[in-house]
């Protein structure tokens, strides 16, 4: 019985990355590049948009990023979230002064 439970646990743990979603408000360049259809150029564009405009309010806002259109947003919808950030700030805002 313990052997079967251990096997099940291993299967669940190996499957977790499949269920994980990338938070576009905190993702690194390499995390963004792991998304389907997002290479280095689009990943940099997402990071730059986030730096200039602050956290994404929704996944739909990705369509405002240069090089990302509605079809890409729909393809990514199940892969990403626009999660809340601590005090509304992202990791790219660390050096910005507070108002």
PDB file of N, CA and C in Angstrom:
ATOM      1  N   UNK A   1       0.829  -1.197   0.000  1.00  0.00           N
ATOM      2  CA  UNK A   1       0.000   0.000   0.000  1.00  0.00           C
ATOM      3  C   UNK A   1       0.871   1.258   0.000  1.00  0.00           C
ATOM      4  N   UNK A   2       1.921   1.281   0.820  1.00  0.00           N
ATOM      5  CA  UNK A   2       2.795   2.450   0.882  1.00  0.00           C
ATOM      6  C   UNK A   2       3.466   2.699  -0.463  1.00  0.00           C
ATOM      7  N   UNK A   3       3.802   1.635  -1.141  1.00  0.00           N
ATOM      8  CA  UNK A   3       4.451   1.753  -2.444  1.00  0.00           C
ATOM      9  C   UNK A   3       3.520   2.438  -3.451  1.00  0.00           C
ATOM     10  N   UNK A   4       2.251   2.062  -3.440  1.00  0.00           N
ATOM     11  CA  UNK A   4       1.269   2.673  -4.343  1.00  0.00           C
ATOM     12  C   UNK A   4       1.069   4.156  -4.012  1.00  0.00           C
ATOM     13  N   UNK A   5       1.014   4.479  -2.721  1.00  0.00           N
ATOM     14  CA  UNK A   5       0.868   5.882  -2.317  1.00  0.00           C
ATOM     15  C   UNK A   5       2.085   6.696  -2.731  1.00  0.00           C
ATOM     16  N   UNK A   6       3.260   6.143  -2.581  1.00  0.00           N
ATOM     17  CA  UNK A   6       4.478   6.829  -2.986  1.00  0.00           C
ATOM     18  C   UNK A   6       4.487   7.059  -4.497  1.00  0.00           C
ATOM     19  N   UNK A   7       4.071   6.081  -5.260  1.00  0.00           N
ATOM     20  CA  UNK A   7       3.993   6.230  -6.709  1.00  0.00           C
ATOM     21  C   UNK A   7       3.006   7.326  -7.104  1.00  0.00           C
ATOM     22  N   UNK A   8       1.871   7.352  -6.454  1.00  0.00           N
ATOM     23  CA  UNK A   8       0.873   8.382  -6.729  1.00  0.00           C
ATOM     24  C   UNK A   8       1.416   9.769  -6.393  1.00  0.00           C
ATOM     25  N   UNK A   9       2.090   9.883  -5.269  1.00  0.00           N
ATOM     26  CA  UNK A   9       2.675  11.163  -4.860  1.00  0.00           C
ATOM     27  C   UNK A   9       3.700  11.639  -5.882  1.00  0.00           C
ATOM     28  N   UNK A  10       4.522  10.751  -6.364  1.00  0.00           N
ATOM     29  CA  UNK A  10       5.530  11.110  -7.362  1.00  0.00           C
ATOM     30  C   UNK A  10       4.861  11.588  -8.654  1.00  0.00           C
ATOM     31  N   UNK A  11       3.830  10.909  -9.068  1.00  0.00           N
ATOM     32  CA  UNK A  11       3.108  11.312 -10.282  1.00  0.00           C
ATOM     33  C   UNK A  11       2.501  12.699 -10.110  1.00  0.00           C
ATOM     34  N   UNK A  12       1.890  12.947  -8.977  1.00  0.00           N
ATOM     35  CA  UNK A  12       1.280  14.259  -8.712  1.00  0.00           C
ATOM     36  C   UNK A  12       2.350  15.344  -8.709  1.00  0.00           C
ATOM     37  N   UNK A  13       3.463  15.103  -8.046  1.00  0.00           N
ATOM     38  CA  UNK A  13       4.529  16.096  -7.979  1.00  0.00           C
ATOM     39  C   UNK A  13       5.131  16.384  -9.347  1.00  0.00           C
ATOM     40  N   UNK A  14       5.249  15.378 -10.175  1.00  0.00           N
ATOM     41  CA  UNK A  14       5.776  15.585 -11.519  1.00  0.00           C
ATOM     42  C   UNK A  14       4.796  16.337 -12.410  1.00  0.00           C
ATOM     43  N   UNK A  15       3.521  16.218 -12.125  1.00  0.00           N
ATOM     44  CA  UNK A  15       2.503  16.882 -12.939  1.00  0.00           C
ATOM     45  C   UNK A  15       2.262  18.326 -12.519  1.00  0.00           C
ATOM     46  N   UNK A  16       2.706  18.727 -11.347  1.00  0.00           N
ATOM     47  CA  UNK A  16       2.446  20.086 -10.866  1.00  0.00           C
ATOM     48  C   UNK A  16       2.904  21.175 -11.826  1.00  0.00           C
ATOM     49  N   UNK A  17       4.103  21.099 -12.407  1.00  0.00           N
ATOM     50  CA  UNK A  17       4.493  22.166 -13.331  1.00  0.00           C
ATOM     51  C   UNK A  17       3.543  22.330 -14.512  1.00  0.00           C
ATOM     52  N   UNK A  18       2.874  21.273 -14.912  1.00  0.00           N
ATOM     53  CA  UNK A  18       1.918  21.354 -16.013  1.00  0.00           C
ATOM     54  C   UNK A  18       0.744  22.246 -15.632  1.00  0.00           C
ATOM     55  N   UNK A  19       0.352  22.230 -14.368  1.00  0.00           N
ATOM     56  CA  UNK A  19      -0.783  23.012 -13.900  1.00  0.00           C
ATOM     57  C   UNK A  19      -0.399  24.430 -13.488  1.00  0.00           C
ATOM     58  N   UNK A  20       0.877  24.702 -13.363  1.00  0.00           N
ATOM     59  CA  UNK A  20       1.325  26.010 -12.893  1.00  0.00           C
ATOM     60  C   UNK A  20       1.071  27.063 -13.960  1.00  0.00           C
ATOM     61  N   UNK A  21       0.654  28.222 -13.515  1.00  0.00           N
ATOM     62  CA  UNK A  21       0.467  29.338 -14.424  1.00  0.00           C
ATOM     63  C   UNK A  21       1.550  30.372 -14.144  1.00  0.00           C
ATOM     64  N   UNK A  22       1.944  31.085 -15.167  1.00  0.00           N
ATOM     65  CA  UNK A  22       2.951  32.122 -15.044  1.00  0.00           C
ATOM     66  C   UNK A  22       2.248  33.438 -14.730  1.00  0.00           C
ATOM     67  N   UNK A  23       2.696  34.110 -13.677  1.00  0.00           N
ATOM     68  CA  UNK A  23       2.137  35.411 -13.305  1.00  0.00           C
ATOM     69  C   UNK A  23       2.872  36.476 -14.103  1.00  0.00           C
ATOM     70  N   UNK A  24       2.178  37.129 -15.013  1.00  0.00           N
ATOM     71  CA  UNK A  24       2.812  38.113 -15.882  1.00  0.00           C
ATOM     72  C   UNK A  24       3.241  39.361 -15.123  1.00  0.00           C
ATOM     73  N   UNK A  25       2.799  39.514 -13.896  1.00  0.00           N
ATOM     74  CA  UNK A  25       3.221  40.660 -13.091  1.00  0.00           C
ATOM     75  C   UNK A  25       4.525  40.428 -12.349  1.00  0.00           C
ATOM     76  N   UNK A  26       4.953  39.194 -12.238  1.00  0.00           N
ATOM     77  CA  UNK A  26       6.182  38.909 -11.506  1.00  0.00           C
ATOM     78  C   UNK A  26       7.156  38.035 -12.280  1.00  0.00           C
ATOM     79  N   UNK A  27       6.761  37.565 -13.448  1.00  0.00           N
ATOM     80  CA  UNK A  27       7.582  36.627 -14.222  1.00  0.00           C
ATOM     81  C   UNK A  27       8.897  37.247 -14.667  1.00  0.00           C
ATOM     82  N   UNK A  28       9.913  36.409 -14.688  1.00  0.00           N
ATOM     83  CA  UNK A  28      11.211  36.802 -15.217  1.00  0.00           C
ATOM     84  C   UNK A  28      11.222  36.606 -16.724  1.00  0.00           C
ATOM     85  N   UNK A  29      12.284  37.071 -17.346  1.00  0.00           N
ATOM     86  CA  UNK A  29      12.436  36.890 -18.791  1.00  0.00           C
ATOM     87  C   UNK A  29      12.354  35.413 -19.163  1.00  0.00           C
ATOM     88  N   UNK A  30      13.072  34.566 -18.448  1.00  0.00           N
ATOM     89  CA  UNK A  30      13.070  33.135 -18.807  1.00  0.00           C
ATOM     90  C   UNK A  30      11.715  32.487 -18.546  1.00  0.00           C
ATOM     91  N   UNK A  31      11.004  32.916 -17.511  1.00  0.00           N
ATOM     92  CA  UNK A  31       9.660  32.376 -17.267  1.00  0.00           C
ATOM     93  C   UNK A  31       8.716  32.761 -18.400  1.00  0.00           C
ATOM     94  N   UNK A  32       8.822  33.999 -18.865  1.00  0.00           N
ATOM     95  CA  UNK A  32       7.976  34.426 -19.978  1.00  0.00           C
ATOM     96  C   UNK A  32       8.327  33.666 -21.257  1.00  0.00           C
ATOM     97  N   UNK A  33       9.624  33.420 -21.475  1.00  0.00           N
ATOM     98  CA  UNK A  33      10.055  32.683 -22.664  1.00  0.00           C
ATOM     99  C   UNK A  33       9.592  31.230 -22.655  1.00  0.00           C
ATOM    100  N   UNK A  34       9.238  30.727 -21.488  1.00  0.00           N
ATOM    101  CA  UNK A  34       8.750  29.346 -21.411  1.00  0.00           C
ATOM    102  C   UNK A  34       7.321  29.215 -21.931  1.00  0.00           C
ATOM    103  N   UNK A  35       6.658  30.335 -22.165  1.00  0.00           N
ATOM    104  CA  UNK A  35       5.281  30.320 -22.660  1.00  0.00           C
ATOM    105  C   UNK A  35       5.261  30.060 -24.162  1.00  0.00           C
ATOM    106  N   UNK A  36       4.222  29.371 -24.648  1.00  0.00           N
ATOM    107  CA  UNK A  36       4.150  29.081 -26.089  1.00  0.00           C
ATOM    108  C   UNK A  36       4.038  30.360 -26.916  1.00  0.00           C
ATOM    109  N   UNK A  37       4.920  30.484 -27.897  1.00  0.00           N
ATOM    110  CA  UNK A  37       4.878  31.634 -28.794  1.00  0.00           C
ATOM    111  C   UNK A  37       5.568  32.877 -28.257  1.00  0.00           C
ATOM    112  N   UNK A  38       6.183  32.791 -27.085  1.00  0.00           N
ATOM    113  CA  UNK A  38       6.878  33.943 -26.514  1.00  0.00           C
ATOM    114  C   UNK A  38       8.376  33.652 -26.526  1.00  0.00           C
ATOM    115  N   UNK A  39       9.074  34.376 -27.366  1.00  0.00           N
ATOM    116  CA  UNK A  39      10.528  34.252 -27.436  1.00  0.00           C
ATOM    117  C   UNK A  39      11.174  35.415 -26.697  1.00  0.00           C
ATOM    118  N   UNK A  40      12.472  35.581 -26.857  1.00  0.00           N
ATOM    119  CA  UNK A  40      13.188  36.648 -26.151  1.00  0.00           C
ATOM    120  C   UNK A  40      12.672  38.052 -26.450  1.00  0.00           C
ATOM    121  N   UNK A  41      12.336  38.326 -27.707  1.00  0.00           N
ATOM    122  CA  UNK A  41      11.884  39.673 -28.073  1.00  0.00           C
ATOM    123  C   UNK A  41      10.549  40.003 -27.426  1.00  0.00           C
ATOM    124  N   UNK A  42       9.588  39.095 -27.503  1.00  0.00           N
ATOM    125  CA  UNK A  42       8.277  39.354 -26.885  1.00  0.00           C
ATOM    126  C   UNK A  42       8.377  39.367 -25.369  1.00  0.00           C
ATOM    127  N   UNK A  43       9.222  38.530 -24.803  1.00  0.00           N
ATOM    128  CA  UNK A  43       9.405  38.531 -23.348  1.00  0.00           C
ATOM    129  C   UNK A  43       9.949  39.887 -22.896  1.00  0.00           C
ATOM    130  N   UNK A  44      10.947  40.418 -23.621  1.00  0.00           N
ATOM    131  CA  UNK A  44      11.484  41.749 -23.280  1.00  0.00           C
ATOM    132  C   UNK A  44      10.418  42.821 -23.426  1.00  0.00           C
ATOM    133  N   UNK A  45       9.575  42.691 -24.452  1.00  0.00           N
ATOM    134  CA  UNK A  45       8.508  43.677 -24.661  1.00  0.00           C
ATOM    135  C   UNK A  45       7.510  43.647 -23.494  1.00  0.00           C
ATOM    136  N   UNK A  46       7.197  42.467 -22.992  1.00  0.00           N
ATOM    137  CA  UNK A  46       6.295  42.348 -21.835  1.00  0.00           C
ATOM    138  C   UNK A  46       6.928  42.990 -20.612  1.00  0.00           C
ATOM    139  N   UNK A  47       8.203  42.706 -20.372  1.00  0.00           N
ATOM    140  CA  UNK A  47       8.894  43.296 -19.219  1.00  0.00           C
ATOM    141  C   UNK A  47       8.966  44.816 -19.332  1.00  0.00           C
ATOM    142  N   UNK A  48       9.231  45.317 -20.542  1.00  0.00           N
ATOM    143  CA  UNK A  48       9.306  46.766 -20.749  1.00  0.00           C
ATOM    144  C   UNK A  48       7.943  47.422 -20.544  1.00  0.00           C
ATOM    145  N   UNK A  49       6.899  46.790 -21.061  1.00  0.00           N
ATOM    146  CA  UNK A  49       5.546  47.330 -20.860  1.00  0.00           C
ATOM    147  C   UNK A  49       5.227  47.390 -19.368  1.00  0.00           C
ATOM    148  N   UNK A  50       5.546  46.330 -18.656  1.00  0.00           N
ATOM    149  CA  UNK A  50       5.289  46.266 -17.208  1.00  0.00           C
ATOM    150  C   UNK A  50       6.088  47.341 -16.480  1.00  0.00           C
ATOM    151  N   UNK A  51       7.338  47.567 -16.904  1.00  0.00           N
ATOM    152  CA  UNK A  51       8.166  48.596 -16.262  1.00  0.00           C
ATOM    153  C   UNK A  51       7.568  49.986 -16.485  1.00  0.00           C
ATOM    154  N   UNK A  52       7.082  50.242 -17.685  1.00  0.00           N
ATOM    155  CA  UNK A  52       6.559  51.566 -18.023  1.00  0.00           C
ATOM    156  C   UNK A  52       5.155  51.825 -17.481  1.00  0.00           C
ATOM    157  N   UNK A  53       4.317  50.782 -17.445  1.00  0.00           N
ATOM    158  CA  UNK A  53       2.900  50.975 -17.119  1.00  0.00           C
ATOM    159  C   UNK A  53       2.470  50.373 -15.789  1.00  0.00           C
ATOM    160  N   UNK A  54       3.366  49.673 -15.131  1.00  0.00           N
ATOM    161  CA  UNK A  54       3.004  49.031 -13.873  1.00  0.00           C
ATOM    162  C   UNK A  54       2.387  47.671 -14.117  1.00  0.00           C
ATOM    163  N   UNK A  55       1.865  47.053 -13.064  1.00  0.00           N
ATOM    164  CA  UNK A  55       1.338  45.694 -13.176  1.00  0.00           C
ATOM    165  C   UNK A  55       0.158  45.605 -14.141  1.00  0.00           C
ATOM    166  N   UNK A  56       0.065  44.467 -14.787  1.00  0.00           N
ATOM    167  CA  UNK A  56      -1.072  44.198 -15.658  1.00  0.00           C
ATOM    168  C   UNK A  56      -2.323  44.043 -14.790  1.00  0.00           C
ATOM    169  N   UNK A  57      -3.405  44.651 -15.190  1.00  0.00           N
ATOM    170  CA  UNK A  57      -4.660  44.529 -14.461  1.00  0.00           C
ATOM    171  C   UNK A  57      -5.410  43.259 -14.854  1.00  0.00           C
ATOM    172  N   UNK A  58      -5.133  42.766 -16.061  1.00  0.00           N
ATOM    173  CA  UNK A  58      -5.764  41.535 -16.527  1.00  0.00           C
ATOM    174  C   UNK A  58      -4.904  40.928 -17.628  1.00  0.00           C
ATOM    175  N   UNK A  59      -5.167  39.685 -17.946  1.00  0.00           N
ATOM    176  CA  UNK A  59      -4.455  39.014 -19.032  1.00  0.00           C
ATOM    177  C   UNK A  59      -4.741  39.724 -20.350  1.00  0.00           C
ATOM    178  N   UNK A  60      -5.943  40.266 -20.515  1.00  0.00           N
ATOM    179  CA  UNK A  60      -6.312  40.962 -21.747  1.00  0.00           C
ATOM    180  C   UNK A  60      -5.386  42.133 -22.053  1.00  0.00           C
ATOM    181  N   UNK A  61      -4.808  42.722 -21.026  1.00  0.00           N
ATOM    182  CA  UNK A  61      -3.919  43.873 -21.219  1.00  0.00           C
ATOM    183  C   UNK A  61      -2.648  43.492 -21.979  1.00  0.00           C
ATOM    184  N   UNK A  62      -2.326  42.216 -22.050  1.00  0.00           N
ATOM    185  CA  UNK A  62      -1.172  41.770 -22.846  1.00  0.00           C
ATOM    186  C   UNK A  62      -1.288  42.220 -24.299  1.00  0.00           C
ATOM    187  N   UNK A  63      -2.519  42.393 -24.786  1.00  0.00           N
ATOM    188  CA  UNK A  63      -2.733  42.807 -26.175  1.00  0.00           C
ATOM    189  C   UNK A  63      -2.174  44.210 -26.426  1.00  0.00           C
ATOM    190  N   UNK A  64      -1.913  44.971 -25.383  1.00  0.00           N
ATOM    191  CA  UNK A  64      -1.337  46.305 -25.535  1.00  0.00           C
ATOM    192  C   UNK A  64       0.171  46.270 -25.719  1.00  0.00           C
ATOM    193  N   UNK A  65       0.779  45.111 -25.519  1.00  0.00           N
ATOM    194  CA  UNK A  65       2.225  44.957 -25.671  1.00  0.00           C
ATOM    195  C   UNK A  65       2.543  44.812 -27.154  1.00  0.00           C
ATOM    196  N   UNK A  66       3.548  45.565 -27.612  1.00  0.00           N
ATOM    197  CA  UNK A  66       3.937  45.509 -29.020  1.00  0.00           C
ATOM    198  C   UNK A  66       4.317  44.083 -29.404  1.00  0.00           C
ATOM    199  N   UNK A  67       3.726  43.593 -30.482  1.00  0.00           N
ATOM    200  CA  UNK A  67       4.033  42.258 -30.984  1.00  0.00           C
ATOM    201  C   UNK A  67       3.114  41.170 -30.458  1.00  0.00           C
ATOM    202  N   UNK A  68       2.192  41.538 -29.569  1.00  0.00           N
ATOM    203  CA  UNK A  68       1.253  40.547 -29.031  1.00  0.00           C
ATOM    204  C   UNK A  68      -0.160  40.963 -29.417  1.00  0.00           C
ATOM    205  N   UNK A  69      -0.815  40.106 -30.166  1.00  0.00           N
ATOM    206  CA  UNK A  69      -2.164  40.405 -30.617  1.00  0.00           C
ATOM    207  C   UNK A  69      -3.195  39.550 -29.914  1.00  0.00           C
ATOM    208  N   UNK A  70      -4.459  39.727 -30.273  1.00  0.00           N
ATOM    209  CA  UNK A  70      -5.553  38.987 -29.642  1.00  0.00           C
ATOM    210  C   UNK A  70      -5.398  37.474 -29.728  1.00  0.00           C
ATOM    211  N   UNK A  71      -4.874  36.960 -30.839  1.00  0.00           N
ATOM    212  CA  UNK A  71      -4.715  35.504 -30.976  1.00  0.00           C
ATOM    213  C   UNK A  71      -3.696  34.979 -29.973  1.00  0.00           C
ATOM    214  N   UNK A  72      -2.624  35.712 -29.776  1.00  0.00           N
ATOM    215  CA  UNK A  72      -1.611  35.301 -28.799  1.00  0.00           C
ATOM    216  C   UNK A  72      -2.181  35.348 -27.397  1.00  0.00           C
ATOM    217  N   UNK A  73      -2.947  36.387 -27.098  1.00  0.00           N
ATOM    218  CA  UNK A  73      -3.565  36.495 -25.774  1.00  0.00           C
ATOM    219  C   UNK A  73      -4.465  35.294 -25.523  1.00  0.00           C
ATOM    220  N   UNK A  74      -5.264  34.921 -26.502  1.00  0.00           N
ATOM    221  CA  UNK A  74      -6.160  33.772 -26.339  1.00  0.00           C
ATOM    222  C   UNK A  74      -5.372  32.482 -26.146  1.00  0.00           C
ATOM    223  N   UNK A  75      -4.268  32.339 -26.876  1.00  0.00           N
ATOM    224  CA  UNK A  75      -3.439  31.141 -26.745  1.00  0.00           C
ATOM    225  C   UNK A  75      -2.807  31.065 -25.349  1.00  0.00           C
ATOM    226  N   UNK A  76      -2.486  32.216 -24.767  1.00  0.00           N
ATOM    227  CA  UNK A  76      -1.824  32.256 -23.464  1.00  0.00           C
ATOM    228  C   UNK A  76      -2.795  32.255 -22.284  1.00  0.00           C
ATOM    229  N   UNK A  77      -4.054  32.517 -22.544  1.00  0.00           N
ATOM    230  CA  UNK A  77      -5.028  32.732 -21.466  1.00  0.00           C
ATOM    231  C   UNK A  77      -5.007  31.633 -20.392  1.00  0.00           C
ATOM    232  N   UNK A  78      -4.879  30.391 -20.781  1.00  0.00           N
ATOM    233  CA  UNK A  78      -4.884  29.314 -19.788  1.00  0.00           C
ATOM    234  C   UNK A  78      -3.503  29.107 -19.150  1.00  0.00           C
ATOM    235  N   UNK A  79      -2.491  29.759 -19.703  1.00  0.00           N
ATOM    236  CA  UNK A  79      -1.113  29.580 -19.229  1.00  0.00           C
ATOM    237  C   UNK A  79      -0.668  30.667 -18.255  1.00  0.00           C
ATOM    238  N   UNK A  80      -1.357  31.813 -18.253  1.00  0.00           N
ATOM    239  CA  UNK A  80      -0.894  32.961 -17.468  1.00  0.00           C
ATOM    240  C   UNK A  80      -1.996  33.522 -16.570  1.00  0.00           C
ATOM    241  N   UNK A  81      -1.560  34.260 -15.572  1.00  0.00           N
ATOM    242  CA  UNK A  81      -2.468  35.036 -14.737  1.00  0.00           C
ATOM    243  C   UNK A  81      -1.863  36.422 -14.568  1.00  0.00           C
ATOM    244  N   UNK A  82      -2.693  37.372 -14.217  1.00  0.00           N
ATOM    245  CA  UNK A  82      -2.230  38.714 -13.853  1.00  0.00           C
ATOM    246  C   UNK A  82      -2.525  38.847 -12.369  1.00  0.00           C
ATOM    247  N   UNK A  83      -1.655  38.246 -11.579  1.00  0.00           N
ATOM    248  CA  UNK A  83      -1.873  38.174 -10.142  1.00  0.00           C
ATOM    249  C   UNK A  83      -1.669  39.499  -9.441  1.00  0.00           C
ATOM    250  N   UNK A  84      -2.210  39.582  -8.240  1.00  0.00           N
ATOM    251  CA  UNK A  84      -2.019  40.792  -7.446  1.00  0.00           C
ATOM    252  C   UNK A  84      -0.559  40.901  -7.004  1.00  0.00           C
ATOM    253  N   UNK A  85      -0.118  42.100  -6.843  1.00  0.00           N
ATOM    254  CA  UNK A  85       1.243  42.315  -6.365  1.00  0.00           C
ATOM    255  C   UNK A  85       1.189  42.976  -5.002  1.00  0.00           C
ATOM    256  N   UNK A  86       2.198  42.738  -4.221  1.00  0.00           N
ATOM    257  CA  UNK A  86       2.246  43.327  -2.884  1.00  0.00           C
ATOM    258  C   UNK A  86       2.228  44.834  -3.011  1.00  0.00           C
ATOM    259  N   UNK A  87       1.279  45.460  -2.376  1.00  0.00           N
ATOM    260  CA  UNK A  87       1.102  46.899  -2.388  1.00  0.00           C
ATOM    261  C   UNK A  87       1.015  47.462  -3.798  1.00  0.00           C
ATOM    262  N   UNK A  88       0.553  46.612  -4.746  1.00  0.00           N
ATOM    263  CA  UNK A  88       0.349  47.089  -6.104  1.00  0.00           C
ATOM    264  C   UNK A  88       1.627  47.325  -6.881  1.00  0.00           C
ATOM    265  N   UNK A  89       2.766  46.852  -6.374  1.00  0.00           N
ATOM    266  CA  UNK A  89       4.038  47.085  -7.042  1.00  0.00           C
ATOM    267  C   UNK A  89       4.627  45.759  -7.505  1.00  0.00           C
ATOM    268  N   UNK A  90       5.379  45.801  -8.576  1.00  0.00           N
ATOM    269  CA  UNK A  90       6.022  44.591  -9.082  1.00  0.00           C
ATOM    270  C   UNK A  90       7.494  44.623  -8.758  1.00  0.00           C
ATOM    271  N   UNK A  91       8.164  43.508  -9.015  1.00  0.00           N
ATOM    272  CA  UNK A  91       9.598  43.447  -8.753  1.00  0.00           C
ATOM    273  C   UNK A  91      10.381  44.439  -9.600  1.00  0.00           C
ATOM    274  N   UNK A  92       9.836  44.876 -10.736  1.00  0.00           N
ATOM    275  CA  UNK A  92      10.526  45.835 -11.578  1.00  0.00           C
ATOM    276  C   UNK A  92      10.353  47.256 -11.062  1.00  0.00           C
ATOM    277  N   UNK A  93       9.478  47.443 -10.080  1.00  0.00           N
ATOM    278  CA  UNK A  93       9.234  48.772  -9.526  1.00  0.00           C
ATOM    279  C   UNK A  93      10.091  49.064  -8.307  1.00  0.00           C
ATOM    280  N   UNK A  94      10.921  48.125  -7.897  1.00  0.00           N
ATOM    281  CA  UNK A  94      11.688  48.281  -6.671  1.00  0.00           C
ATOM    282  C   UNK A  94      12.427  49.584  -6.564  1.00  0.00           C
ATOM    283  N   UNK A  95      13.026  50.028  -7.690  1.00  0.00           N
ATOM    284  CA  UNK A  95      13.862  51.218  -7.653  1.00  0.00           C
ATOM    285  C   UNK A  95      13.086  52.503  -7.871  1.00  0.00           C
ATOM    286  N   UNK A  96      11.815  52.401  -8.177  1.00  0.00           N
ATOM    287  CA  UNK A  96      11.026  53.609  -8.394  1.00  0.00           C
ATOM    288  C   UNK A  96      10.623  54.215  -7.059  1.00  0.00           C
ATOM    289  N   UNK A  97      10.706  55.528  -6.939  1.00  0.00           N
ATOM    290  CA  UNK A  97      10.277  56.150  -5.682  1.00  0.00           C
ATOM    291  C   UNK A  97       8.765  56.053  -5.511  1.00  0.00           C
ATOM    292  N   UNK A  98       8.328  55.939  -4.286  1.00  0.00           N
ATOM    293  CA  UNK A  98       6.880  55.906  -4.009  1.00  0.00           C
ATOM    294  C   UNK A  98       6.336  57.317  -4.040  1.00  0.00           C
ATOM    295  N   UNK A  99       5.093  57.421  -4.448  1.00  0.00           N
ATOM    296  CA  UNK A  99       4.449  58.747  -4.473  1.00  0.00           C
ATOM    297  C   UNK A  99       3.604  58.948  -3.262  1.00  0.00           C
TER     298      UNK A  99
END
